[in-house]
Amino acid sequence: MELTEFARDGRIELAANPDAVAGARRYATGFTVTVGASAYTSERVALAVSEAVTNAVTHAYIETDGDGPIEVELLLDDHQLVVYVRDRGRGMVPRPDSPGLGFGLPLIGRVADRVELSSVDGHGTEVCMRFGLSEHG
């Protein structure tokens, strides 16, 4: 699928495996270029999407051996880009055996203008990130 096809659709669903990270990043980059976001914004969106999808791959489906979908949706809303990363996994619950370093959410918080997390136990997690389109680094 070409990047312009991703951008027209506004949403993609990927299997929760390590390949999802690269696919989501390509999709987000294609979308931001299509809507005319600055290079700085495009880089921030790609990084935040990569981190959010990595979190979903690492944590969402551990009870089902990683079997489940991750949805990435990008929307243009009042001169800002709104990005959703959703899974239907176990929700945001503590994981003492976490293989990650714990930098994902703080990094997303630093690169996005606004971040909202929502979760319903057993029904998944949604990360909503907002970015201005024309900001410069």
N, C-alpha and C. Protein backbone atom coordinates (compact mmCIF):
# COMPACT_ATOMS: atom_id res chain seq x y z
N MET A 1 0.85 -1.18 0.00
CA MET A 1 0.00 0.00 0.00
C MET A 1 0.89 1.24 0.00
N GLU A 2 0.57 2.19 -0.84
CA GLU A 2 1.36 3.41 -0.92
C GLU A 2 1.01 4.37 0.20
N LEU A 3 1.94 5.26 0.53
CA LEU A 3 1.71 6.22 1.61
C LEU A 3 0.50 7.09 1.33
N THR A 4 0.28 7.47 0.07
CA THR A 4 -0.87 8.32 -0.23
C THR A 4 -2.18 7.59 0.05
N GLU A 5 -2.18 6.28 -0.12
CA GLU A 5 -3.38 5.52 0.22
C GLU A 5 -3.61 5.54 1.73
N PHE A 6 -2.54 5.41 2.52
CA PHE A 6 -2.66 5.51 3.97
C PHE A 6 -3.27 6.85 4.35
N ALA A 7 -2.74 7.92 3.78
CA ALA A 7 -3.16 9.27 4.15
C ALA A 7 -4.63 9.49 3.82
N ARG A 8 -5.08 8.97 2.69
CA ARG A 8 -6.49 9.15 2.33
C ARG A 8 -7.41 8.43 3.31
N ASP A 9 -7.00 7.27 3.76
CA ASP A 9 -7.84 6.48 4.66
C ASP A 9 -7.91 7.09 6.05
N GLY A 10 -6.83 7.67 6.54
CA GLY A 10 -6.81 8.25 7.87
C GLY A 10 -6.68 7.25 9.01
N ARG A 11 -6.72 5.97 8.70
CA ARG A 11 -6.67 4.95 9.75
C ARG A 11 -6.08 3.67 9.19
N ILE A 12 -5.30 3.00 10.02
CA ILE A 12 -4.74 1.71 9.63
C ILE A 12 -4.79 0.78 10.84
N GLU A 13 -4.98 -0.49 10.57
CA GLU A 13 -4.95 -1.49 11.64
C GLU A 13 -3.82 -2.46 11.34
N LEU A 14 -3.01 -2.71 12.35
CA LEU A 14 -1.83 -3.56 12.22
C LEU A 14 -1.87 -4.66 13.26
N ALA A 15 -1.22 -5.78 12.95
CA ALA A 15 -1.08 -6.85 13.94
C ALA A 15 -0.05 -6.43 14.98
N ALA A 16 -0.29 -6.78 16.22
CA ALA A 16 0.60 -6.39 17.33
C ALA A 16 1.88 -7.22 17.31
N ASN A 17 2.81 -6.83 16.45
CA ASN A 17 4.11 -7.47 16.40
C ASN A 17 5.14 -6.38 16.09
N PRO A 18 6.41 -6.68 16.21
CA PRO A 18 7.43 -5.63 16.02
C PRO A 18 7.36 -4.92 14.66
N ASP A 19 6.88 -5.59 13.62
CA ASP A 19 6.75 -4.94 12.31
C ASP A 19 5.72 -3.81 12.32
N ALA A 20 4.80 -3.85 13.27
CA ALA A 20 3.77 -2.80 13.36
C ALA A 20 4.39 -1.43 13.61
N VAL A 21 5.50 -1.39 14.31
CA VAL A 21 6.13 -0.10 14.65
C VAL A 21 6.58 0.61 13.37
N ALA A 22 7.29 -0.08 12.51
CA ALA A 22 7.76 0.53 11.26
C ALA A 22 6.58 0.89 10.35
N GLY A 23 5.60 0.02 10.27
CA GLY A 23 4.43 0.30 9.44
C GLY A 23 3.67 1.52 9.92
N ALA A 24 3.48 1.63 11.22
CA ALA A 24 2.77 2.78 11.78
C ALA A 24 3.56 4.06 11.56
N ARG A 25 4.87 3.98 11.71
CA ARG A 25 5.72 5.16 11.50
C ARG A 25 5.65 5.64 10.05
N ARG A 26 5.72 4.70 9.09
CA ARG A 26 5.59 5.07 7.67
C ARG A 26 4.23 5.69 7.39
N TYR A 27 3.20 5.10 7.95
CA TYR A 27 1.85 5.61 7.77
C TYR A 27 1.72 7.04 8.30
N ALA A 28 2.21 7.27 9.51
CA ALA A 28 2.12 8.59 10.13
C ALA A 28 2.91 9.62 9.32
N THR A 29 4.09 9.26 8.87
CA THR A 29 4.90 10.16 8.07
C THR A 29 4.19 10.51 6.76
N GLY A 30 3.64 9.51 6.11
CA GLY A 30 2.90 9.75 4.86
C GLY A 30 1.72 10.68 5.06
N PHE A 31 1.01 10.48 6.14
CA PHE A 31 -0.15 11.32 6.42
C PHE A 31 0.28 12.76 6.68
N THR A 32 1.30 12.96 7.51
CA THR A 32 1.72 14.32 7.85
C THR A 32 2.22 15.06 6.62
N VAL A 33 2.92 14.37 5.73
CA VAL A 33 3.39 15.00 4.49
C VAL A 33 2.20 15.40 3.63
N THR A 34 1.22 14.52 3.52
CA THR A 34 0.04 14.78 2.70
C THR A 34 -0.76 15.98 3.19
N VAL A 35 -0.86 16.17 4.49
CA VAL A 35 -1.65 17.31 5.02
C VAL A 35 -0.82 18.58 5.16
N GLY A 36 0.45 18.54 4.78
CA GLY A 36 1.27 19.74 4.79
C GLY A 36 1.88 20.12 6.12
N ALA A 37 2.06 19.17 6.99
CA ALA A 37 2.71 19.46 8.27
C ALA A 37 4.18 19.80 8.04
N SER A 38 4.74 20.59 8.93
CA SER A 38 6.16 20.93 8.83
C SER A 38 7.00 19.67 9.04
N ALA A 39 8.25 19.72 8.58
CA ALA A 39 9.16 18.59 8.80
C ALA A 39 9.34 18.32 10.29
N TYR A 40 9.41 19.39 11.08
CA TYR A 40 9.56 19.25 12.53
C TYR A 40 8.37 18.52 13.13
N THR A 41 7.17 18.89 12.74
CA THR A 41 5.97 18.22 13.24
C THR A 41 5.94 16.77 12.76
N SER A 42 6.29 16.55 11.52
CA SER A 42 6.30 15.20 10.97
C SER A 42 7.23 14.28 11.77
N GLU A 43 8.40 14.78 12.12
CA GLU A 43 9.35 13.99 12.91
C GLU A 43 8.81 13.70 14.30
N ARG A 44 8.18 14.69 14.92
CA ARG A 44 7.61 14.50 16.26
C ARG A 44 6.48 13.48 16.23
N VAL A 45 5.61 13.57 15.22
CA VAL A 45 4.50 12.62 15.10
C VAL A 45 5.04 11.21 14.89
N ALA A 46 6.01 11.05 14.01
CA ALA A 46 6.58 9.72 13.74
C ALA A 46 7.18 9.12 15.01
N LEU A 47 7.90 9.92 15.78
CA LEU A 47 8.50 9.44 17.02
C LEU A 47 7.43 9.03 18.03
N ALA A 48 6.42 9.88 18.21
CA ALA A 48 5.36 9.59 19.18
C ALA A 48 4.57 8.34 18.78
N VAL A 49 4.25 8.21 17.50
CA VAL A 49 3.52 7.03 17.04
C VAL A 49 4.37 5.78 17.25
N SER A 50 5.66 5.87 16.95
CA SER A 50 6.55 4.71 17.16
C SER A 50 6.54 4.27 18.62
N GLU A 51 6.63 5.24 19.52
CA GLU A 51 6.64 4.92 20.95
C GLU A 51 5.31 4.33 21.41
N ALA A 52 4.20 4.92 20.97
CA ALA A 52 2.88 4.43 21.39
C ALA A 52 2.62 3.03 20.85
N VAL A 53 2.99 2.78 19.61
CA VAL A 53 2.80 1.44 19.04
C VAL A 53 3.73 0.43 19.71
N THR A 54 4.95 0.84 20.00
CA THR A 54 5.88 -0.05 20.72
C THR A 54 5.29 -0.45 22.07
N ASN A 55 4.70 0.52 22.77
CA ASN A 55 4.05 0.20 24.05
C ASN A 55 2.93 -0.82 23.86
N ALA A 56 2.12 -0.63 22.83
CA ALA A 56 1.02 -1.57 22.58
C ALA A 56 1.56 -2.96 22.24
N VAL A 57 2.57 -3.02 21.39
CA VAL A 57 3.16 -4.31 21.03
C VAL A 57 3.74 -5.00 22.26
N THR A 58 4.40 -4.23 23.12
CA THR A 58 5.08 -4.79 24.28
C THR A 58 4.12 -5.20 25.40
N HIS A 59 3.06 -4.43 25.60
CA HIS A 59 2.25 -4.61 26.80
C HIS A 59 0.79 -5.06 26.59
N ALA A 60 0.18 -4.71 25.48
CA ALA A 60 -1.28 -4.89 25.36
C ALA A 60 -1.74 -6.34 25.37
N TYR A 61 -1.02 -7.18 24.69
CA TYR A 61 -1.52 -8.54 24.46
C TYR A 61 -0.65 -9.63 25.09
N ILE A 62 0.00 -9.32 26.20
CA ILE A 62 0.90 -10.32 26.80
C ILE A 62 0.15 -11.56 27.25
N GLU A 63 -1.12 -11.41 27.56
CA GLU A 63 -1.90 -12.57 28.03
C GLU A 63 -2.38 -13.44 26.87
N THR A 64 -2.25 -12.94 25.64
CA THR A 64 -2.68 -13.71 24.47
C THR A 64 -1.52 -13.91 23.50
N ASP A 65 -0.31 -13.92 24.00
CA ASP A 65 0.90 -14.12 23.19
C ASP A 65 1.02 -13.12 22.05
N GLY A 66 0.63 -11.88 22.30
CA GLY A 66 0.82 -10.83 21.31
C GLY A 66 -0.18 -10.84 20.18
N ASP A 67 -1.24 -11.60 20.29
CA ASP A 67 -2.21 -11.72 19.21
C ASP A 67 -3.32 -10.69 19.39
N GLY A 68 -3.31 -9.65 18.57
CA GLY A 68 -4.36 -8.65 18.64
C GLY A 68 -4.04 -7.48 17.74
N PRO A 69 -5.03 -6.61 17.50
CA PRO A 69 -4.83 -5.48 16.60
C PRO A 69 -4.37 -4.21 17.31
N ILE A 70 -3.68 -3.38 16.55
CA ILE A 70 -3.34 -2.02 16.96
C ILE A 70 -3.86 -1.11 15.86
N GLU A 71 -4.61 -0.11 16.24
CA GLU A 71 -5.16 0.84 15.29
C GLU A 71 -4.46 2.18 15.44
N VAL A 72 -4.08 2.77 14.32
CA VAL A 72 -3.49 4.10 14.29
C VAL A 72 -4.40 4.96 13.42
N GLU A 73 -4.85 6.07 13.99
CA GLU A 73 -5.75 6.97 13.27
C GLU A 73 -5.20 8.39 13.37
N LEU A 74 -5.16 9.08 12.25
CA LEU A 74 -4.72 10.47 12.21
C LEU A 74 -5.82 11.32 11.60
N LEU A 75 -6.08 12.45 12.24
CA LEU A 75 -7.14 13.36 11.79
C LEU A 75 -6.62 14.79 11.80
N LEU A 76 -7.14 15.58 10.90
CA LEU A 76 -6.86 17.00 10.88
C LEU A 76 -8.03 17.69 11.55
N ASP A 77 -7.77 18.46 12.61
CA ASP A 77 -8.83 19.09 13.39
C ASP A 77 -8.42 20.50 13.80
N ASP A 78 -9.05 21.51 13.23
CA ASP A 78 -8.77 22.91 13.58
C ASP A 78 -7.28 23.23 13.59
N HIS A 79 -6.62 23.00 12.48
CA HIS A 79 -5.21 23.33 12.30
C HIS A 79 -4.27 22.57 13.24
N GLN A 80 -4.73 21.44 13.70
CA GLN A 80 -3.84 20.57 14.45
C GLN A 80 -4.06 19.13 14.01
N LEU A 81 -3.04 18.35 14.24
CA LEU A 81 -3.10 16.94 13.90
C LEU A 81 -3.42 16.17 15.17
N VAL A 82 -4.45 15.34 15.11
CA VAL A 82 -4.83 14.50 16.24
C VAL A 82 -4.51 13.06 15.85
N VAL A 83 -3.76 12.40 16.72
CA VAL A 83 -3.29 11.04 16.45
C VAL A 83 -3.79 10.12 17.57
N TYR A 84 -4.42 9.03 17.17
CA TYR A 84 -4.86 8.02 18.12
C TYR A 84 -4.11 6.72 17.86
N VAL A 85 -3.65 6.10 18.93
CA VAL A 85 -3.12 4.73 18.86
C VAL A 85 -3.96 3.94 19.86
N ARG A 86 -4.62 2.90 19.34
CA ARG A 86 -5.55 2.12 20.17
C ARG A 86 -5.21 0.63 20.08
N ASP A 87 -5.42 -0.04 21.20
CA ASP A 87 -5.35 -1.49 21.19
C ASP A 87 -6.57 -2.01 21.93
N ARG A 88 -6.80 -3.30 21.83
CA ARG A 88 -7.92 -3.93 22.53
C ARG A 88 -7.41 -4.95 23.54
N GLY A 89 -6.27 -4.62 24.11
CA GLY A 89 -5.60 -5.53 25.03
C GLY A 89 -6.09 -5.41 26.45
N ARG A 90 -5.19 -5.62 27.38
CA ARG A 90 -5.55 -5.73 28.79
C ARG A 90 -5.76 -4.41 29.50
N GLY A 91 -5.56 -3.30 28.83
CA GLY A 91 -5.72 -2.00 29.47
C GLY A 91 -4.45 -1.59 30.19
N MET A 92 -4.50 -0.44 30.81
CA MET A 92 -3.31 0.08 31.50
C MET A 92 -3.27 -0.45 32.92
N VAL A 93 -2.57 -1.53 33.07
CA VAL A 93 -2.39 -2.13 34.38
C VAL A 93 -0.90 -2.29 34.65
N PRO A 94 -0.49 -2.26 35.90
CA PRO A 94 0.93 -2.40 36.22
C PRO A 94 1.51 -3.70 35.67
N ARG A 95 2.76 -3.62 35.26
CA ARG A 95 3.44 -4.81 34.78
C ARG A 95 4.83 -4.86 35.40
N PRO A 96 4.96 -5.53 36.54
CA PRO A 96 6.25 -5.58 37.24
C PRO A 96 7.37 -6.23 36.43
N ASP A 97 7.01 -7.11 35.48
CA ASP A 97 8.01 -7.79 34.67
C ASP A 97 8.29 -7.07 33.36
N SER A 98 7.97 -5.80 33.28
CA SER A 98 8.08 -5.04 32.04
C SER A 98 9.48 -5.11 31.43
N PRO A 99 9.54 -5.46 30.13
CA PRO A 99 10.84 -5.52 29.47
C PRO A 99 11.32 -4.15 28.99
N GLY A 100 10.46 -3.14 29.05
CA GLY A 100 10.83 -1.81 28.57
C GLY A 100 11.60 -1.01 29.61
N LEU A 101 12.11 0.12 29.17
CA LEU A 101 12.87 1.00 30.06
C LEU A 101 11.99 2.06 30.71
N GLY A 102 10.75 2.20 30.28
CA GLY A 102 9.86 3.18 30.88
C GLY A 102 9.99 4.58 30.33
N PHE A 103 10.60 4.73 29.15
CA PHE A 103 10.78 6.06 28.57
C PHE A 103 9.70 6.43 27.56
N GLY A 104 8.89 5.48 27.13
CA GLY A 104 7.93 5.70 26.05
C GLY A 104 6.94 6.81 26.31
N LEU A 105 6.16 6.71 27.38
CA LEU A 105 5.15 7.74 27.66
C LEU A 105 5.76 9.10 27.99
N PRO A 106 6.83 9.16 28.79
CA PRO A 106 7.45 10.48 29.00
C PRO A 106 7.95 11.12 27.71
N LEU A 107 8.48 10.31 26.81
CA LEU A 107 8.96 10.84 25.53
C LEU A 107 7.80 11.37 24.70
N ILE A 108 6.71 10.62 24.66
CA ILE A 108 5.52 11.07 23.95
C ILE A 108 5.06 12.41 24.54
N GLY A 109 5.07 12.51 25.86
CA GLY A 109 4.67 13.75 26.53
C GLY A 109 5.54 14.94 26.17
N ARG A 110 6.80 14.68 25.87
CA ARG A 110 7.72 15.76 25.51
C ARG A 110 7.56 16.22 24.07
N VAL A 111 7.22 15.30 23.15
CA VAL A 111 7.16 15.68 21.73
C VAL A 111 5.76 16.11 21.28
N ALA A 112 4.72 15.66 21.97
CA ALA A 112 3.35 16.05 21.60
C ALA A 112 2.96 17.32 22.34
N ASP A 113 2.07 18.10 21.74
CA ASP A 113 1.56 19.29 22.41
C ASP A 113 0.62 18.93 23.55
N ARG A 114 -0.09 17.82 23.37
CA ARG A 114 -1.02 17.35 24.40
C ARG A 114 -1.17 15.84 24.25
N VAL A 115 -1.26 15.15 25.38
CA VAL A 115 -1.42 13.70 25.38
C VAL A 115 -2.52 13.34 26.36
N GLU A 116 -3.39 12.45 25.94
CA GLU A 116 -4.45 11.93 26.81
C GLU A 116 -4.41 10.41 26.72
N LEU A 117 -4.48 9.76 27.87
CA LEU A 117 -4.51 8.31 27.93
C LEU A 117 -5.85 7.88 28.50
N SER A 118 -6.42 6.86 27.90
CA SER A 118 -7.63 6.31 28.49
C SER A 118 -7.58 4.79 28.39
N SER A 119 -8.19 4.16 29.37
CA SER A 119 -8.15 2.71 29.44
C SER A 119 -9.35 2.21 30.22
N VAL A 120 -9.87 1.10 29.76
CA VAL A 120 -10.90 0.38 30.50
C VAL A 120 -10.36 -1.03 30.67
N ASP A 121 -10.19 -1.47 31.91
CA ASP A 121 -9.59 -2.78 32.16
C ASP A 121 -10.18 -3.85 31.25
N GLY A 122 -9.29 -4.54 30.58
CA GLY A 122 -9.70 -5.63 29.71
C GLY A 122 -10.24 -5.20 28.36
N HIS A 123 -10.30 -3.89 28.12
CA HIS A 123 -10.86 -3.43 26.85
C HIS A 123 -9.90 -2.57 26.05
N GLY A 124 -8.68 -2.47 26.48
CA GLY A 124 -7.68 -1.78 25.70
C GLY A 124 -7.28 -0.43 26.23
N THR A 125 -6.42 0.20 25.45
CA THR A 125 -5.86 1.50 25.80
C THR A 125 -5.93 2.39 24.57
N GLU A 126 -6.19 3.67 24.80
CA GLU A 126 -6.15 4.66 23.73
C GLU A 126 -5.20 5.77 24.14
N VAL A 127 -4.27 6.08 23.25
CA VAL A 127 -3.37 7.21 23.43
C VAL A 127 -3.79 8.24 22.39
N CYS A 128 -4.17 9.43 22.84
CA CYS A 128 -4.55 10.52 21.94
C CYS A 128 -3.47 11.60 22.06
N MET A 129 -2.87 11.95 20.92
CA MET A 129 -1.79 12.93 20.90
C MET A 129 -2.16 14.05 19.93
N ARG A 130 -1.86 15.28 20.31
CA ARG A 130 -2.17 16.45 19.47
C ARG A 130 -0.89 17.20 19.13
N PHE A 131 -0.82 17.66 17.87
CA PHE A 131 0.35 18.36 17.37
C PHE A 131 -0.09 19.54 16.50
N GLY A 132 0.59 20.69 16.65
CA GLY A 132 0.39 21.79 15.72
C GLY A 132 1.03 21.42 14.39
N LEU A 133 0.51 21.94 13.30
CA LEU A 133 1.01 21.56 11.97
C LEU A 133 2.24 22.33 11.51
N SER A 134 2.43 23.56 11.97
CA SER A 134 3.47 24.40 11.38
C SER A 134 4.57 24.81 12.35
N GLU A 135 4.72 24.10 13.44
CA GLU A 135 5.74 24.46 14.41
C GLU A 135 7.12 24.17 13.87
N HIS A 136 8.09 24.92 14.32
CA HIS A 136 9.48 24.75 13.89
C HIS A 136 10.33 24.34 15.08
N GLY A 137 11.36 23.55 14.82
CA GLY A 137 12.24 23.10 15.89
C GLY A 137 13.32 24.07 16.23
